[in-house]
């Protein structure tokens, strides 16, 4: 059961753990595989959820400051995703239906072009 929480948050009452959802309606369900700390999931997913799964453009942030930016299709990674590590290493991956097709570390020129 989801509990009302601070605006933009949904909380699962059985676990007292929640996640950001700026468009919460109170009818959502959520599931996760990461840890819960101080009542919040340690992974933060930003994007559109369809049937409790990321769908479309999304940004996933982890406690170690790693960020994944890219697209999902019904919860599976799909299309281009870029992983940005704490040391500012950028890794570009291409996925089809959750299966990684390619992976490449980006050089400074490619990173600069992405930021422009």
C-alpha atoms as a PDB file:
ATOM      1  CA  UNK A   1       0.000   0.000   0.000  1.00  0.00           C
ATOM      2  CA  UNK A   2       1.267   3.449  -0.903  1.00  0.00           C
ATOM      3  CA  UNK A   3       1.105   6.224   1.632  1.00  0.00           C
ATOM      4  CA  UNK A   4       0.722   9.920   1.003  1.00  0.00           C
ATOM      5  CA  UNK A   5       4.064  11.552   1.551  1.00  0.00           C
ATOM      6  CA  UNK A   6       5.713  14.874   0.841  1.00  0.00           C
ATOM      7  CA  UNK A   7       4.636  16.360  -2.486  1.00  0.00           C
ATOM      8  CA  UNK A   8       6.310  14.495  -5.321  1.00  0.00           C
ATOM      9  CA  UNK A   9       6.919  11.331  -3.270  1.00  0.00           C
ATOM     10  CA  UNK A  10       5.241   7.937  -2.993  1.00  0.00           C
ATOM     11  CA  UNK A  11       5.945   5.621  -0.044  1.00  0.00           C
ATOM     12  CA  UNK A  12       5.288   1.889   0.357  1.00  0.00           C
ATOM     13  CA  UNK A  13       3.817   1.564   3.848  1.00  0.00           C
ATOM     14  CA  UNK A  14       5.017  -1.997   4.507  1.00  0.00           C
ATOM     15  CA  UNK A  15       8.630  -0.915   4.016  1.00  0.00           C
ATOM     16  CA  UNK A  16       8.370   2.793   4.868  1.00  0.00           C
ATOM     17  CA  UNK A  17      10.443   3.415   1.788  1.00  0.00           C
ATOM     18  CA  UNK A  18       9.646   5.805  -1.044  1.00  0.00           C
ATOM     19  CA  UNK A  19      10.768   7.346  -4.275  1.00  0.00           C
ATOM     20  CA  UNK A  20      10.276  10.580  -6.179  1.00  0.00           C
ATOM     21  CA  UNK A  21       7.247  10.863  -8.438  1.00  0.00           C
ATOM     22  CA  UNK A  22       6.314  14.421  -9.318  1.00  0.00           C
ATOM     23  CA  UNK A  23       3.007  13.243 -10.828  1.00  0.00           C
ATOM     24  CA  UNK A  24       1.883  10.902  -8.040  1.00  0.00           C
ATOM     25  CA  UNK A  25      -1.837  10.104  -8.069  1.00  0.00           C
ATOM     26  CA  UNK A  26      -1.934   7.651  -5.175  1.00  0.00           C
ATOM     27  CA  UNK A  27      -2.833   4.747  -7.466  1.00  0.00           C
ATOM     28  CA  UNK A  28       0.726   3.803  -8.433  1.00  0.00           C
ATOM     29  CA  UNK A  29       2.598   0.714  -7.408  1.00  0.00           C
ATOM     30  CA  UNK A  30       6.355   0.589  -7.192  1.00  0.00           C
ATOM     31  CA  UNK A  31       8.941  -2.144  -6.906  1.00  0.00           C
ATOM     32  CA  UNK A  32      12.697  -1.940  -6.568  1.00  0.00           C
ATOM     33  CA  UNK A  33      15.823  -3.993  -6.059  1.00  0.00           C
ATOM     34  CA  UNK A  34      18.075  -1.440  -4.374  1.00  0.00           C
ATOM     35  CA  UNK A  35      18.399  -0.608  -0.705  1.00  0.00           C
ATOM     36  CA  UNK A  36      16.318   1.817   1.328  1.00  0.00           C
ATOM     37  CA  UNK A  37      18.026   4.422   3.509  1.00  0.00           C
ATOM     38  CA  UNK A  38      16.273   6.999   5.675  1.00  0.00           C
ATOM     39  CA  UNK A  39      12.939   6.134   4.061  1.00  0.00           C
ATOM     40  CA  UNK A  40      14.164   6.703   0.496  1.00  0.00           C
ATOM     41  CA  UNK A  41      15.370   4.355  -2.200  1.00  0.00           C
ATOM     42  CA  UNK A  42      19.104   4.640  -2.685  1.00  0.00           C
ATOM     43  CA  UNK A  43      18.563   4.762  -6.447  1.00  0.00           C
ATOM     44  CA  UNK A  44      16.599   7.664  -7.864  1.00  0.00           C
ATOM     45  CA  UNK A  45      14.718   7.178 -11.114  1.00  0.00           C
ATOM     46  CA  UNK A  46      13.413  10.202 -12.994  1.00  0.00           C
ATOM     47  CA  UNK A  47      11.248   9.652 -16.016  1.00  0.00           C
ATOM     48  CA  UNK A  48       7.866   8.399 -17.077  1.00  0.00           C
ATOM     49  CA  UNK A  49       6.551   5.202 -15.527  1.00  0.00           C
ATOM     50  CA  UNK A  50       4.047   3.024 -17.395  1.00  0.00           C
ATOM     51  CA  UNK A  51       2.735  -0.013 -15.498  1.00  0.00           C
ATOM     52  CA  UNK A  52       5.384   0.595 -12.804  1.00  0.00           C
ATOM     53  CA  UNK A  53       8.231   0.471 -15.324  1.00  0.00           C
ATOM     54  CA  UNK A  54      10.408   3.250 -16.758  1.00  0.00           C
ATOM     55  CA  UNK A  55       9.273   4.041 -20.278  1.00  0.00           C
ATOM     56  CA  UNK A  56      10.911   6.690 -22.471  1.00  0.00           C
ATOM     57  CA  UNK A  57      13.695   9.078 -21.497  1.00  0.00           C
ATOM     58  CA  UNK A  58      14.996   8.585 -17.965  1.00  0.00           C
ATOM     59  CA  UNK A  59      17.767   9.571 -15.597  1.00  0.00           C
ATOM     60  CA  UNK A  60      18.853   7.103 -12.908  1.00  0.00           C
ATOM     61  CA  UNK A  61      21.089   8.397 -10.109  1.00  0.00           C
ATOM     62  CA  UNK A  62      22.950   6.235  -7.589  1.00  0.00           C
ATOM     63  CA  UNK A  63      24.346   7.157  -4.155  1.00  0.00           C
ATOM     64  CA  UNK A  64      27.929   6.949  -5.483  1.00  0.00           C
ATOM     65  CA  UNK A  65      26.989   9.801  -7.906  1.00  0.00           C
ATOM     66  CA  UNK A  66      26.949   7.516 -10.962  1.00  0.00           C
ATOM     67  CA  UNK A  67      24.235   8.644 -13.372  1.00  0.00           C
ATOM     68  CA  UNK A  68      22.659   6.791 -16.278  1.00  0.00           C
ATOM     69  CA  UNK A  69      20.859   8.870 -18.884  1.00  0.00           C
ATOM     70  CA  UNK A  70      18.913   7.179 -21.650  1.00  0.00           C
ATOM     71  CA  UNK A  71      15.807   5.461 -22.872  1.00  0.00           C
ATOM     72  CA  UNK A  72      13.736   2.573 -21.589  1.00  0.00           C
ATOM     73  CA  UNK A  73      10.998   0.532 -23.200  1.00  0.00           C
ATOM     74  CA  UNK A  74       8.601  -1.082 -20.707  1.00  0.00           C
ATOM     75  CA  UNK A  75      11.314  -1.149 -18.034  1.00  0.00           C
ATOM     76  CA  UNK A  76      14.122  -2.471 -20.252  1.00  0.00           C
ATOM     77  CA  UNK A  77      17.029  -0.344 -21.420  1.00  0.00           C
ATOM     78  CA  UNK A  78      16.409   0.424 -25.078  1.00  0.00           C
ATOM     79  CA  UNK A  79      18.363   2.763 -27.336  1.00  0.00           C
ATOM     80  CA  UNK A  80      21.317   4.914 -26.339  1.00  0.00           C
ATOM     81  CA  UNK A  81      22.298   5.198 -22.685  1.00  0.00           C
ATOM     82  CA  UNK A  82      25.200   7.179 -21.280  1.00  0.00           C
ATOM     83  CA  UNK A  83      26.761   6.292 -17.939  1.00  0.00           C
ATOM     84  CA  UNK A  84      28.532   9.160 -16.183  1.00  0.00           C
ATOM     85  CA  UNK A  85      30.857   8.045 -13.404  1.00  0.00           C
ATOM     86  CA  UNK A  86      32.061  10.102 -10.449  1.00  0.00           C
ATOM     87  CA  UNK A  87      35.453  10.663 -12.132  1.00  0.00           C
ATOM     88  CA  UNK A  88      33.545  12.142 -15.127  1.00  0.00           C
ATOM     89  CA  UNK A  89      34.193   9.116 -17.328  1.00  0.00           C
ATOM     90  CA  UNK A  90      31.416   8.826 -19.909  1.00  0.00           C
ATOM     91  CA  UNK A  91      30.457   5.467 -21.374  1.00  0.00           C
ATOM     92  CA  UNK A  92      27.949   5.258 -24.239  1.00  0.00           C
ATOM     93  CA  UNK A  93      25.997   2.019 -24.627  1.00  0.00           C
ATOM     94  CA  UNK A  94      23.325   0.934 -27.050  1.00  0.00           C
ATOM     95  CA  UNK A  95      20.629  -1.501 -25.907  1.00  0.00           C
ATOM     96  CA  UNK A  96      17.840  -3.326 -27.706  1.00  0.00           C
ATOM     97  CA  UNK A  97      15.083  -4.726 -25.483  1.00  0.00           C
ATOM     98  CA  UNK A  98      17.412  -4.754 -22.452  1.00  0.00           C
ATOM     99  CA  UNK A  99      20.311  -6.457 -24.253  1.00  0.00           C
ATOM    100  CA  UNK A 100      23.526  -4.478 -24.654  1.00  0.00           C
ATOM    101  CA  UNK A 101      24.598  -4.246 -28.305  1.00  0.00           C
ATOM    102  CA  UNK A 102      27.614  -1.957 -27.984  1.00  0.00           C
ATOM    103  CA  UNK A 103      29.627   0.013 -25.456  1.00  0.00           C
ATOM    104  CA  UNK A 104      32.200   2.737 -25.968  1.00  0.00           C
ATOM    105  CA  UNK A 105      34.066   5.095 -23.669  1.00  0.00           C
ATOM    106  CA  UNK A 106      33.636   8.651 -24.932  1.00  0.00           C
ATOM    107  CA  UNK A 107      36.613  10.923 -25.491  1.00  0.00           C
ATOM    108  CA  UNK A 108      36.723  14.573 -24.422  1.00  0.00           C
ATOM    109  CA  UNK A 109      35.537  15.816 -27.831  1.00  0.00           C
ATOM    110  CA  UNK A 110      32.443  13.567 -27.745  1.00  0.00           C
ATOM    111  CA  UNK A 111      31.696  14.593 -24.142  1.00  0.00           C
ATOM    112  CA  UNK A 112      31.966  18.267 -25.050  1.00  0.00           C
ATOM    113  CA  UNK A 113      29.607  17.753 -28.010  1.00  0.00           C
ATOM    114  CA  UNK A 114      27.051  16.040 -25.724  1.00  0.00           C
ATOM    115  CA  UNK A 115      27.112  18.968 -23.302  1.00  0.00           C
ATOM    116  CA  UNK A 116      26.581  21.576 -26.082  1.00  0.00           C
END
